[in-house]
N, C-alpha and C. Protein backbone atom coordinates (compact mmCIF):
# COMPACT_ATOMS: atom_id res chain seq x y z
N MET A 1 0.85 -1.19 0.00
CA MET A 1 0.00 0.00 0.00
C MET A 1 0.89 1.24 0.00
N SER A 2 0.51 2.23 -0.80
CA SER A 2 1.22 3.51 -0.85
C SER A 2 0.28 4.61 -0.39
N VAL A 3 0.65 5.31 0.66
CA VAL A 3 -0.18 6.39 1.20
C VAL A 3 0.46 7.73 0.88
N ASN A 4 -0.32 8.64 0.29
CA ASN A 4 0.17 9.97 -0.05
C ASN A 4 -0.71 11.01 0.62
N LEU A 5 -0.12 11.81 1.47
CA LEU A 5 -0.87 12.86 2.16
C LEU A 5 -0.84 14.13 1.32
N ILE A 6 -2.01 14.63 0.93
CA ILE A 6 -2.09 15.85 0.12
C ILE A 6 -2.82 16.93 0.91
N PHE A 7 -2.53 18.18 0.52
CA PHE A 7 -3.15 19.34 1.17
C PHE A 7 -2.96 19.33 2.68
N PRO A 8 -1.75 19.13 3.16
CA PRO A 8 -1.55 19.08 4.62
C PRO A 8 -1.66 20.46 5.25
N THR A 9 -1.91 20.48 6.54
CA THR A 9 -1.89 21.70 7.34
C THR A 9 -0.59 21.73 8.13
N ALA A 10 0.21 22.74 7.90
CA ALA A 10 1.54 22.80 8.52
C ALA A 10 1.49 23.52 9.86
N VAL A 11 1.96 22.86 10.90
CA VAL A 11 2.19 23.48 12.20
C VAL A 11 3.70 23.42 12.42
N THR A 12 4.34 24.59 12.50
CA THR A 12 5.80 24.67 12.45
C THR A 12 6.36 25.14 13.79
N PHE A 13 7.40 24.47 14.25
CA PHE A 13 8.04 24.80 15.53
C PHE A 13 9.43 25.38 15.31
N PHE A 14 9.76 26.39 16.08
CA PHE A 14 11.11 26.94 16.18
C PHE A 14 11.45 27.03 17.67
N LYS A 15 12.74 27.06 17.98
CA LYS A 15 13.19 27.23 19.37
C LYS A 15 14.10 28.45 19.47
N LEU A 16 13.87 29.25 20.51
CA LEU A 16 14.70 30.43 20.74
C LEU A 16 16.15 30.02 20.95
N GLY A 17 16.38 28.93 21.66
CA GLY A 17 17.73 28.40 21.81
C GLY A 17 18.56 29.07 22.88
N ARG A 18 17.93 29.84 23.74
CA ARG A 18 18.63 30.47 24.86
C ARG A 18 17.63 30.75 25.96
N ALA A 19 18.14 31.01 27.15
CA ALA A 19 17.27 31.41 28.25
C ALA A 19 16.83 32.86 28.07
N LEU A 20 15.67 33.19 28.56
CA LEU A 20 15.22 34.58 28.53
C LEU A 20 16.05 35.41 29.50
N THR A 21 16.33 36.66 29.14
CA THR A 21 17.05 37.54 30.04
C THR A 21 16.12 37.97 31.18
N GLU A 22 16.70 38.49 32.23
CA GLU A 22 15.89 38.95 33.36
C GLU A 22 14.94 40.05 32.94
N ALA A 23 15.42 40.97 32.08
CA ALA A 23 14.58 42.08 31.62
C ALA A 23 13.43 41.57 30.75
N GLU A 24 13.71 40.61 29.86
CA GLU A 24 12.67 40.04 29.01
C GLU A 24 11.62 39.34 29.85
N LEU A 25 12.08 38.51 30.78
CA LEU A 25 11.17 37.73 31.60
C LEU A 25 10.31 38.64 32.48
N ASN A 26 10.91 39.67 33.03
CA ASN A 26 10.18 40.61 33.89
C ASN A 26 9.07 41.30 33.11
N LEU A 27 9.37 41.71 31.87
CA LEU A 27 8.35 42.37 31.05
C LEU A 27 7.26 41.39 30.63
N LEU A 28 7.68 40.20 30.18
CA LEU A 28 6.72 39.22 29.66
C LEU A 28 5.78 38.68 30.73
N MET A 29 6.24 38.64 31.97
CA MET A 29 5.43 38.04 33.04
C MET A 29 4.61 39.06 33.81
N ASN A 30 4.75 40.35 33.50
CA ASN A 30 4.11 41.36 34.35
C ASN A 30 3.37 42.44 33.58
N MET A 31 2.73 42.09 32.49
CA MET A 31 1.96 43.05 31.71
C MET A 31 0.60 43.32 32.37
N PRO A 32 0.11 44.54 32.34
CA PRO A 32 -1.27 44.81 32.78
C PRO A 32 -2.23 44.02 31.90
N THR A 33 -3.31 43.49 32.51
CA THR A 33 -4.18 42.57 31.78
C THR A 33 -5.64 42.98 31.82
N ARG A 34 -6.42 42.31 30.98
CA ARG A 34 -7.88 42.37 30.99
C ARG A 34 -8.40 40.95 30.87
N MET A 35 -9.65 40.74 31.20
CA MET A 35 -10.24 39.40 31.15
C MET A 35 -10.38 38.90 29.72
N ASN A 36 -10.11 37.62 29.55
CA ASN A 36 -10.33 36.93 28.30
C ASN A 36 -11.31 35.79 28.60
N MET A 37 -11.62 34.96 27.63
CA MET A 37 -12.51 33.83 27.87
C MET A 37 -11.71 32.65 28.42
N GLY A 38 -11.69 32.50 29.74
CA GLY A 38 -10.97 31.39 30.36
C GLY A 38 -9.67 31.77 31.02
N ASN A 39 -9.08 32.91 30.60
CA ASN A 39 -7.83 33.38 31.20
C ASN A 39 -7.76 34.90 31.05
N VAL A 40 -6.56 35.48 31.09
CA VAL A 40 -6.43 36.92 30.91
C VAL A 40 -5.43 37.22 29.80
N THR A 41 -5.58 38.39 29.19
CA THR A 41 -4.70 38.81 28.11
C THR A 41 -4.21 40.22 28.36
N SER A 42 -3.08 40.58 27.79
CA SER A 42 -2.51 41.90 28.04
C SER A 42 -3.34 42.99 27.39
N ILE A 43 -3.35 44.15 28.03
CA ILE A 43 -3.99 45.32 27.43
C ILE A 43 -3.19 45.78 26.22
N ASP A 44 -1.89 45.71 26.32
CA ASP A 44 -0.98 46.05 25.22
C ASP A 44 -1.15 45.03 24.10
N ASN A 45 -1.47 45.48 22.88
CA ASN A 45 -1.61 44.55 21.76
C ASN A 45 -0.58 44.77 20.66
N ILE A 46 0.51 45.46 21.03
CA ILE A 46 1.68 45.58 20.14
C ILE A 46 2.95 45.29 20.97
N VAL A 47 2.89 44.21 21.72
CA VAL A 47 3.95 43.87 22.68
C VAL A 47 5.32 43.76 22.01
N LEU A 48 5.35 43.22 20.79
CA LEU A 48 6.64 42.98 20.13
C LEU A 48 7.34 44.26 19.68
N GLU A 49 6.66 45.39 19.81
CA GLU A 49 7.31 46.67 19.48
C GLU A 49 8.08 47.23 20.68
N ASN A 50 7.97 46.58 21.83
CA ASN A 50 8.73 47.02 23.00
C ASN A 50 10.21 46.75 22.80
N LYS A 51 11.06 47.75 23.07
CA LYS A 51 12.50 47.62 22.81
C LYS A 51 13.15 46.51 23.64
N VAL A 52 12.59 46.22 24.81
CA VAL A 52 13.15 45.15 25.64
C VAL A 52 13.08 43.81 24.92
N LEU A 53 12.11 43.68 24.02
CA LEU A 53 11.89 42.41 23.33
C LEU A 53 12.46 42.43 21.91
N SER A 54 13.37 43.34 21.62
CA SER A 54 13.88 43.48 20.25
C SER A 54 14.51 42.20 19.71
N ASP A 55 15.25 41.47 20.56
CA ASP A 55 15.88 40.24 20.11
C ASP A 55 14.84 39.15 19.85
N ILE A 56 13.88 39.02 20.74
CA ILE A 56 12.80 38.05 20.56
C ILE A 56 11.97 38.42 19.32
N SER A 57 11.72 39.70 19.14
CA SER A 57 10.97 40.16 17.97
C SER A 57 11.70 39.78 16.68
N SER A 58 13.02 39.97 16.65
CA SER A 58 13.81 39.59 15.46
C SER A 58 13.74 38.09 15.22
N PHE A 59 13.84 37.30 16.30
CA PHE A 59 13.75 35.85 16.19
C PHE A 59 12.40 35.44 15.60
N ILE A 60 11.33 36.05 16.08
CA ILE A 60 9.99 35.71 15.59
C ILE A 60 9.83 36.13 14.13
N LYS A 61 10.25 37.35 13.79
CA LYS A 61 10.11 37.82 12.41
C LYS A 61 10.91 36.95 11.44
N ASN A 62 12.13 36.60 11.83
CA ASN A 62 12.95 35.73 10.97
C ASN A 62 12.31 34.36 10.80
N SER A 63 11.73 33.83 11.88
CA SER A 63 11.07 32.52 11.83
C SER A 63 9.84 32.58 10.93
N VAL A 64 9.06 33.65 11.05
CA VAL A 64 7.88 33.82 10.19
C VAL A 64 8.29 33.87 8.73
N ASN A 65 9.33 34.64 8.42
CA ASN A 65 9.79 34.75 7.03
C ASN A 65 10.30 33.41 6.51
N GLN A 66 11.05 32.68 7.34
CA GLN A 66 11.55 31.38 6.92
C GLN A 66 10.39 30.42 6.65
N CYS A 67 9.44 30.38 7.55
CA CYS A 67 8.27 29.51 7.40
C CYS A 67 7.50 29.87 6.13
N PHE A 68 7.22 31.14 5.94
CA PHE A 68 6.44 31.59 4.79
C PHE A 68 7.14 31.26 3.47
N ASN A 69 8.44 31.56 3.39
CA ASN A 69 9.17 31.35 2.15
C ASN A 69 9.38 29.88 1.83
N GLU A 70 9.66 29.07 2.85
CA GLU A 70 9.94 27.65 2.60
C GLU A 70 8.67 26.84 2.36
N LEU A 71 7.57 27.19 3.04
CA LEU A 71 6.35 26.42 2.88
C LEU A 71 5.49 26.91 1.72
N TYR A 72 5.38 28.21 1.55
CA TYR A 72 4.48 28.76 0.54
C TYR A 72 5.20 29.10 -0.77
N LYS A 73 6.50 29.30 -0.72
CA LYS A 73 7.32 29.58 -1.90
C LYS A 73 6.65 30.62 -2.82
N PRO A 74 6.45 31.84 -2.32
CA PRO A 74 5.72 32.85 -3.10
C PRO A 74 6.42 33.18 -4.42
N ARG A 75 5.61 33.28 -5.48
CA ARG A 75 6.13 33.58 -6.82
C ARG A 75 6.37 35.08 -6.99
N LYS A 76 5.55 35.88 -6.36
CA LYS A 76 5.64 37.33 -6.46
C LYS A 76 6.34 37.90 -5.22
N GLU A 77 6.57 39.18 -5.25
CA GLU A 77 7.22 39.85 -4.11
C GLU A 77 6.19 40.12 -3.03
N VAL A 78 6.22 39.28 -1.99
CA VAL A 78 5.27 39.42 -0.89
C VAL A 78 5.93 38.90 0.38
N SER A 79 5.63 39.53 1.50
CA SER A 79 6.16 39.08 2.79
C SER A 79 5.04 39.21 3.82
N LEU A 80 5.29 38.67 5.01
CA LEU A 80 4.32 38.77 6.09
C LEU A 80 4.77 39.79 7.11
N GLN A 81 3.85 40.62 7.54
CA GLN A 81 4.11 41.64 8.55
C GLN A 81 3.30 41.33 9.80
N ILE A 82 3.95 41.42 10.96
CA ILE A 82 3.22 41.22 12.22
C ILE A 82 2.30 42.43 12.45
N THR A 83 1.04 42.14 12.68
CA THR A 83 0.05 43.21 12.82
C THR A 83 -0.25 43.52 14.29
N GLN A 84 -0.44 42.49 15.09
CA GLN A 84 -0.70 42.67 16.52
C GLN A 84 0.01 41.57 17.30
N SER A 85 0.34 41.87 18.53
CA SER A 85 1.00 40.88 19.41
C SER A 85 0.58 41.18 20.84
N TRP A 86 0.29 40.12 21.59
CA TRP A 86 -0.23 40.29 22.94
C TRP A 86 0.17 39.10 23.80
N LEU A 87 0.04 39.25 25.11
CA LEU A 87 0.37 38.17 26.04
C LEU A 87 -0.88 37.54 26.61
N ASN A 88 -0.82 36.23 26.81
CA ASN A 88 -1.88 35.49 27.49
C ASN A 88 -1.30 34.89 28.76
N TYR A 89 -2.02 35.04 29.86
CA TYR A 89 -1.61 34.45 31.13
C TYR A 89 -2.69 33.46 31.59
N THR A 90 -2.26 32.25 31.91
CA THR A 90 -3.18 31.21 32.34
C THR A 90 -2.72 30.67 33.69
N LYS A 91 -3.58 30.82 34.69
CA LYS A 91 -3.28 30.33 36.04
C LYS A 91 -3.96 28.97 36.26
N LYS A 92 -3.71 28.38 37.42
CA LYS A 92 -4.29 27.08 37.75
C LYS A 92 -5.82 27.11 37.58
N ASP A 93 -6.33 26.08 36.91
CA ASP A 93 -7.75 25.90 36.61
C ASP A 93 -8.28 26.84 35.53
N GLN A 94 -7.42 27.68 34.97
CA GLN A 94 -7.82 28.50 33.83
C GLN A 94 -7.45 27.77 32.53
N PHE A 95 -7.99 28.25 31.41
CA PHE A 95 -7.76 27.62 30.11
C PHE A 95 -7.79 28.69 29.03
N HIS A 96 -7.45 28.30 27.81
CA HIS A 96 -7.56 29.22 26.67
C HIS A 96 -8.56 28.59 25.70
N HIS A 97 -9.68 29.26 25.49
CA HIS A 97 -10.80 28.70 24.74
C HIS A 97 -10.44 28.38 23.29
N ARG A 98 -11.21 27.48 22.70
CA ARG A 98 -11.02 27.11 21.30
C ARG A 98 -11.37 28.29 20.40
N HIS A 99 -10.46 28.63 19.48
CA HIS A 99 -10.68 29.80 18.64
C HIS A 99 -9.74 29.77 17.44
N ALA A 100 -10.00 30.65 16.47
CA ALA A 100 -9.11 30.91 15.35
C ALA A 100 -8.83 32.41 15.32
N HIS A 101 -8.03 32.88 14.37
CA HIS A 101 -7.62 34.29 14.33
C HIS A 101 -8.07 34.94 13.02
N PRO A 102 -9.19 35.67 13.01
CA PRO A 102 -9.62 36.38 11.80
C PRO A 102 -8.63 37.49 11.41
N ASN A 103 -8.72 37.93 10.16
CA ASN A 103 -7.92 39.03 9.64
C ASN A 103 -6.42 38.78 9.80
N SER A 104 -6.02 37.54 9.60
CA SER A 104 -4.60 37.17 9.73
C SER A 104 -4.31 36.01 8.79
N PHE A 105 -3.05 35.91 8.33
CA PHE A 105 -2.64 34.83 7.43
C PHE A 105 -2.00 33.69 8.21
N LEU A 106 -0.87 33.97 8.85
CA LEU A 106 -0.25 33.04 9.78
C LEU A 106 -0.33 33.63 11.17
N SER A 107 -0.60 32.80 12.16
CA SER A 107 -0.54 33.24 13.56
C SER A 107 0.54 32.44 14.27
N GLY A 108 0.93 32.92 15.43
CA GLY A 108 1.97 32.23 16.17
C GLY A 108 1.85 32.45 17.67
N VAL A 109 2.51 31.56 18.40
CA VAL A 109 2.58 31.67 19.85
C VAL A 109 4.02 31.40 20.28
N PHE A 110 4.58 32.34 21.05
CA PHE A 110 5.89 32.16 21.65
C PHE A 110 5.68 31.96 23.15
N TYR A 111 6.29 30.89 23.69
CA TYR A 111 6.04 30.56 25.10
C TYR A 111 7.13 31.14 25.99
N ALA A 112 6.71 32.10 26.84
CA ALA A 112 7.62 32.74 27.78
C ALA A 112 7.77 31.92 29.05
N ASN A 113 6.75 31.13 29.37
CA ASN A 113 6.80 30.26 30.54
C ASN A 113 5.84 29.09 30.33
N ALA A 114 6.41 27.90 30.10
CA ALA A 114 5.60 26.70 29.88
C ALA A 114 6.42 25.48 30.24
N ASP A 115 5.72 24.40 30.59
CA ASP A 115 6.35 23.16 31.04
C ASP A 115 5.91 22.03 30.12
N LYS A 116 6.85 21.42 29.40
CA LYS A 116 6.51 20.38 28.43
C LYS A 116 5.92 19.13 29.07
N GLU A 117 6.08 18.98 30.38
CA GLU A 117 5.49 17.82 31.06
C GLU A 117 3.98 17.97 31.25
N THR A 118 3.50 19.19 31.28
CA THR A 118 2.07 19.41 31.56
C THR A 118 1.36 20.27 30.52
N ASP A 119 2.09 21.06 29.74
CA ASP A 119 1.46 22.03 28.84
C ASP A 119 1.42 21.52 27.41
N LYS A 120 0.28 21.75 26.76
CA LYS A 120 0.08 21.35 25.35
C LYS A 120 -0.73 22.43 24.64
N ILE A 121 -0.55 22.51 23.33
CA ILE A 121 -1.46 23.30 22.50
C ILE A 121 -2.22 22.31 21.62
N TRP A 122 -3.55 22.47 21.59
CA TRP A 122 -4.42 21.58 20.83
C TRP A 122 -4.86 22.26 19.55
N PHE A 123 -4.89 21.49 18.45
CA PHE A 123 -5.39 21.97 17.17
C PHE A 123 -6.56 21.09 16.73
N TYR A 124 -7.50 21.70 15.96
CA TYR A 124 -8.74 21.01 15.61
C TYR A 124 -9.01 21.07 14.11
N ASP A 125 -9.51 19.96 13.59
CA ASP A 125 -10.02 19.91 12.22
C ASP A 125 -11.49 20.33 12.30
N SER A 126 -11.80 21.50 11.76
CA SER A 126 -13.15 22.05 11.93
C SER A 126 -14.07 21.71 10.76
N LYS A 127 -13.61 20.90 9.80
CA LYS A 127 -14.47 20.50 8.69
C LYS A 127 -15.62 19.62 9.20
N TYR A 128 -16.73 19.65 8.48
CA TYR A 128 -17.87 18.80 8.83
C TYR A 128 -17.69 17.43 8.20
N TYR A 129 -17.85 16.39 8.99
CA TYR A 129 -17.77 15.02 8.50
C TYR A 129 -19.14 14.36 8.68
N GLN A 130 -19.79 14.01 7.55
CA GLN A 130 -21.12 13.39 7.61
C GLN A 130 -21.05 12.00 8.23
N ILE A 131 -19.95 11.30 7.96
CA ILE A 131 -19.75 9.97 8.52
C ILE A 131 -18.43 9.95 9.26
N THR A 132 -18.44 9.46 10.48
CA THR A 132 -17.20 9.35 11.26
C THR A 132 -16.96 7.90 11.61
N VAL A 133 -15.70 7.51 11.53
CA VAL A 133 -15.29 6.15 11.87
C VAL A 133 -14.24 6.27 12.97
N PRO A 134 -14.61 6.09 14.23
CA PRO A 134 -13.64 6.21 15.32
C PRO A 134 -12.48 5.23 15.13
N GLY A 135 -11.26 5.72 15.33
CA GLY A 135 -10.08 4.89 15.14
C GLY A 135 -9.67 4.19 16.43
N ALA A 136 -9.15 3.00 16.28
CA ALA A 136 -8.60 2.28 17.43
C ALA A 136 -7.27 2.87 17.86
N GLU A 137 -6.68 3.66 16.96
CA GLU A 137 -5.39 4.28 17.22
C GLU A 137 -5.45 5.72 16.73
N HIS A 138 -4.88 6.64 17.48
CA HIS A 138 -4.89 8.07 17.17
C HIS A 138 -3.78 8.36 16.17
N THR A 139 -4.15 8.74 14.92
CA THR A 139 -3.15 9.06 13.89
C THR A 139 -3.48 10.40 13.25
N PRO A 140 -2.52 11.04 12.55
CA PRO A 140 -2.81 12.31 11.88
C PRO A 140 -3.88 12.19 10.80
N VAL A 141 -4.12 10.99 10.28
CA VAL A 141 -5.11 10.80 9.23
C VAL A 141 -6.52 10.67 9.79
N ASN A 142 -6.70 9.93 10.89
CA ASN A 142 -8.06 9.69 11.39
C ASN A 142 -8.48 10.63 12.52
N SER A 143 -7.59 11.53 12.94
CA SER A 143 -7.86 12.39 14.10
C SER A 143 -8.55 13.68 13.71
N ARG A 144 -9.38 14.17 14.58
CA ARG A 144 -10.04 15.46 14.40
C ARG A 144 -9.43 16.52 15.32
N ASN A 145 -8.50 16.09 16.17
CA ASN A 145 -7.73 17.03 16.98
C ASN A 145 -6.36 16.43 17.24
N TRP A 146 -5.41 17.31 17.54
CA TRP A 146 -4.03 16.87 17.77
C TRP A 146 -3.36 17.84 18.74
N ALA A 147 -2.57 17.31 19.66
CA ALA A 147 -1.90 18.15 20.66
C ALA A 147 -0.40 18.04 20.54
N PHE A 148 0.29 19.15 20.77
CA PHE A 148 1.74 19.19 20.82
C PHE A 148 2.18 19.68 22.20
N PRO A 149 3.12 19.00 22.85
CA PRO A 149 3.68 19.55 24.09
C PRO A 149 4.51 20.79 23.78
N ILE A 150 4.47 21.74 24.68
CA ILE A 150 5.24 22.99 24.48
C ILE A 150 6.02 23.32 25.75
N GLU A 151 7.10 24.09 25.56
CA GLU A 151 7.93 24.50 26.70
C GLU A 151 8.44 25.91 26.47
N THR A 152 9.03 26.48 27.50
CA THR A 152 9.58 27.83 27.43
C THR A 152 10.57 27.94 26.27
N GLY A 153 10.43 28.98 25.47
CA GLY A 153 11.32 29.21 24.33
C GLY A 153 10.80 28.66 23.02
N ASP A 154 9.70 27.90 23.06
CA ASP A 154 9.11 27.37 21.83
C ASP A 154 8.34 28.47 21.10
N LEU A 155 8.42 28.42 19.78
CA LEU A 155 7.60 29.27 18.91
C LEU A 155 6.83 28.34 17.98
N VAL A 156 5.51 28.48 17.96
CA VAL A 156 4.64 27.66 17.11
C VAL A 156 3.97 28.58 16.09
N LEU A 157 4.06 28.22 14.81
CA LEU A 157 3.41 28.97 13.74
C LEU A 157 2.39 28.08 13.05
N PHE A 158 1.24 28.65 12.67
CA PHE A 158 0.17 27.86 12.07
C PHE A 158 -0.76 28.78 11.27
N PRO A 159 -1.51 28.22 10.31
CA PRO A 159 -2.48 29.04 9.58
C PRO A 159 -3.49 29.65 10.55
N SER A 160 -3.79 30.91 10.36
CA SER A 160 -4.66 31.61 11.31
C SER A 160 -6.07 31.04 11.36
N SER A 161 -6.48 30.33 10.31
CA SER A 161 -7.81 29.73 10.28
C SER A 161 -7.89 28.43 11.07
N LEU A 162 -6.75 27.91 11.52
CA LEU A 162 -6.72 26.63 12.23
C LEU A 162 -7.15 26.84 13.69
N GLU A 163 -8.24 26.22 14.09
CA GLU A 163 -8.73 26.38 15.46
C GLU A 163 -7.79 25.70 16.44
N HIS A 164 -7.63 26.33 17.60
CA HIS A 164 -6.70 25.81 18.61
C HIS A 164 -7.18 26.21 20.00
N SER A 165 -6.64 25.55 21.01
CA SER A 165 -7.00 25.86 22.40
C SER A 165 -5.90 25.35 23.32
N VAL A 166 -6.03 25.72 24.59
CA VAL A 166 -5.14 25.18 25.63
C VAL A 166 -6.04 24.74 26.78
N GLU A 167 -5.83 23.50 27.24
CA GLU A 167 -6.69 22.96 28.29
C GLU A 167 -6.34 23.57 29.65
N SER A 168 -7.16 23.30 30.63
CA SER A 168 -7.00 23.88 31.96
C SER A 168 -5.63 23.57 32.55
N LEU A 169 -5.05 24.57 33.16
CA LEU A 169 -3.74 24.41 33.80
C LEU A 169 -3.92 23.67 35.13
N THR A 170 -3.08 22.69 35.36
CA THR A 170 -3.22 21.86 36.56
C THR A 170 -2.16 22.17 37.62
N THR A 171 -1.21 23.05 37.31
CA THR A 171 -0.15 23.36 38.26
C THR A 171 -0.29 24.81 38.75
N ASP A 172 0.53 25.17 39.72
CA ASP A 172 0.47 26.52 40.29
C ASP A 172 1.31 27.53 39.52
N THR A 173 2.08 27.07 38.54
CA THR A 173 2.93 27.97 37.75
C THR A 173 2.11 28.63 36.65
N VAL A 174 2.25 29.94 36.50
CA VAL A 174 1.51 30.68 35.48
C VAL A 174 2.11 30.38 34.10
N ARG A 175 1.25 29.95 33.16
CA ARG A 175 1.68 29.78 31.78
C ARG A 175 1.57 31.13 31.08
N ALA A 176 2.65 31.59 30.47
CA ALA A 176 2.65 32.87 29.77
C ALA A 176 3.02 32.63 28.31
N SER A 177 2.18 33.13 27.42
CA SER A 177 2.43 32.97 25.99
C SER A 177 2.22 34.29 25.27
N LEU A 178 3.08 34.55 24.30
CA LEU A 178 3.00 35.76 23.49
C LEU A 178 2.45 35.35 22.13
N ALA A 179 1.24 35.80 21.83
CA ALA A 179 0.59 35.45 20.57
C ALA A 179 0.66 36.62 19.60
N PHE A 180 0.57 36.32 18.30
CA PHE A 180 0.63 37.39 17.31
C PHE A 180 -0.05 36.95 16.02
N ASN A 181 -0.42 37.94 15.23
CA ASN A 181 -1.00 37.74 13.90
C ASN A 181 -0.11 38.36 12.83
N THR A 182 -0.29 37.90 11.60
CA THR A 182 0.46 38.47 10.48
C THR A 182 -0.49 38.71 9.31
N PHE A 183 -0.03 39.56 8.38
CA PHE A 183 -0.80 39.79 7.16
C PHE A 183 0.17 40.06 6.02
N PRO A 184 -0.19 39.63 4.79
CA PRO A 184 0.74 39.83 3.66
C PRO A 184 0.89 41.30 3.29
N VAL A 185 2.10 41.64 2.90
CA VAL A 185 2.40 42.96 2.34
C VAL A 185 3.10 42.70 1.01
N GLY A 186 2.61 43.32 -0.06
CA GLY A 186 3.20 43.12 -1.38
C GLY A 186 2.17 42.64 -2.38
N TYR A 187 2.59 41.75 -3.26
CA TYR A 187 1.79 41.29 -4.39
C TYR A 187 1.17 39.94 -4.06
N VAL A 188 -0.15 39.93 -3.83
CA VAL A 188 -0.87 38.71 -3.52
C VAL A 188 -1.74 38.34 -4.73
N GLY A 189 -1.87 37.05 -5.02
CA GLY A 189 -2.67 36.61 -6.15
C GLY A 189 -1.96 36.85 -7.47
N ASP A 190 -2.74 36.96 -8.54
CA ASP A 190 -2.16 37.13 -9.88
C ASP A 190 -3.11 37.98 -10.72
N ASP A 191 -2.58 39.05 -11.31
CA ASP A 191 -3.42 39.97 -12.09
C ASP A 191 -4.07 39.26 -13.27
N GLN A 192 -3.32 38.38 -13.97
CA GLN A 192 -3.86 37.69 -15.14
C GLN A 192 -4.99 36.72 -14.77
N GLU A 193 -4.94 36.21 -13.56
CA GLU A 193 -6.00 35.30 -13.10
C GLU A 193 -7.14 36.06 -12.43
N LEU A 194 -7.05 37.39 -12.45
CA LEU A 194 -8.05 38.27 -11.85
C LEU A 194 -8.19 38.07 -10.35
N THR A 195 -7.05 37.72 -9.73
CA THR A 195 -7.01 37.57 -8.27
C THR A 195 -5.97 38.50 -7.66
N GLY A 196 -5.41 39.41 -8.49
CA GLY A 196 -4.32 40.27 -8.04
C GLY A 196 -4.75 41.22 -6.93
N LEU A 197 -3.88 41.35 -5.96
CA LEU A 197 -4.13 42.25 -4.82
C LEU A 197 -2.78 42.82 -4.40
N HIS A 198 -2.63 44.13 -4.50
CA HIS A 198 -1.37 44.78 -4.17
C HIS A 198 -1.53 45.50 -2.83
N LEU A 199 -0.91 44.93 -1.80
CA LEU A 199 -1.08 45.42 -0.45
C LEU A 199 0.17 46.19 -0.02
N ARG A 200 -0.03 47.36 0.53
CA ARG A 200 1.08 48.21 0.94
C ARG A 200 1.07 48.38 2.47
N ASP A 201 2.23 48.76 2.99
CA ASP A 201 2.36 49.06 4.42
C ASP A 201 1.44 50.21 4.81
């Protein structure tokens, strides 16, 4: 038997590869917040523009560009620009509700404080299936959801339309994640195919 997976959904991981500095950690863990559904989020929604996070911002931007160019291989001159960035804080018994990110192409989450032994990010196949056949074994082909363990320093990139969530925290350590959205800048689509869209900064 030959199995060929077509039209896959890419969830891409990068690692910062170093410990956070004291200044970075202090800023990332102590942002003023407002209530979210299940946890809290920062009032600041352009967190990556803070000078204290300039190195992390460069790491994220470079990772986004690498992911976009290697996976999508754009034919025209187009790049992704980070539009908004914010922090999520999840305490014991809190969670991050299932959701997707409108008005964005690729979204991402950078983990400022997470434990791979207990923390996961869940992704969901939101297509409607008229007939379902429960599998005896959980595989990427028969599954309607999939979880990845995450830890401090991980960066996860995924299509913004992909629904995701984080289950309730079971430990006393606060999980802190920096989320962001992106949007194309440049030449999207193709003029001859009547799909051309020229987006500027």
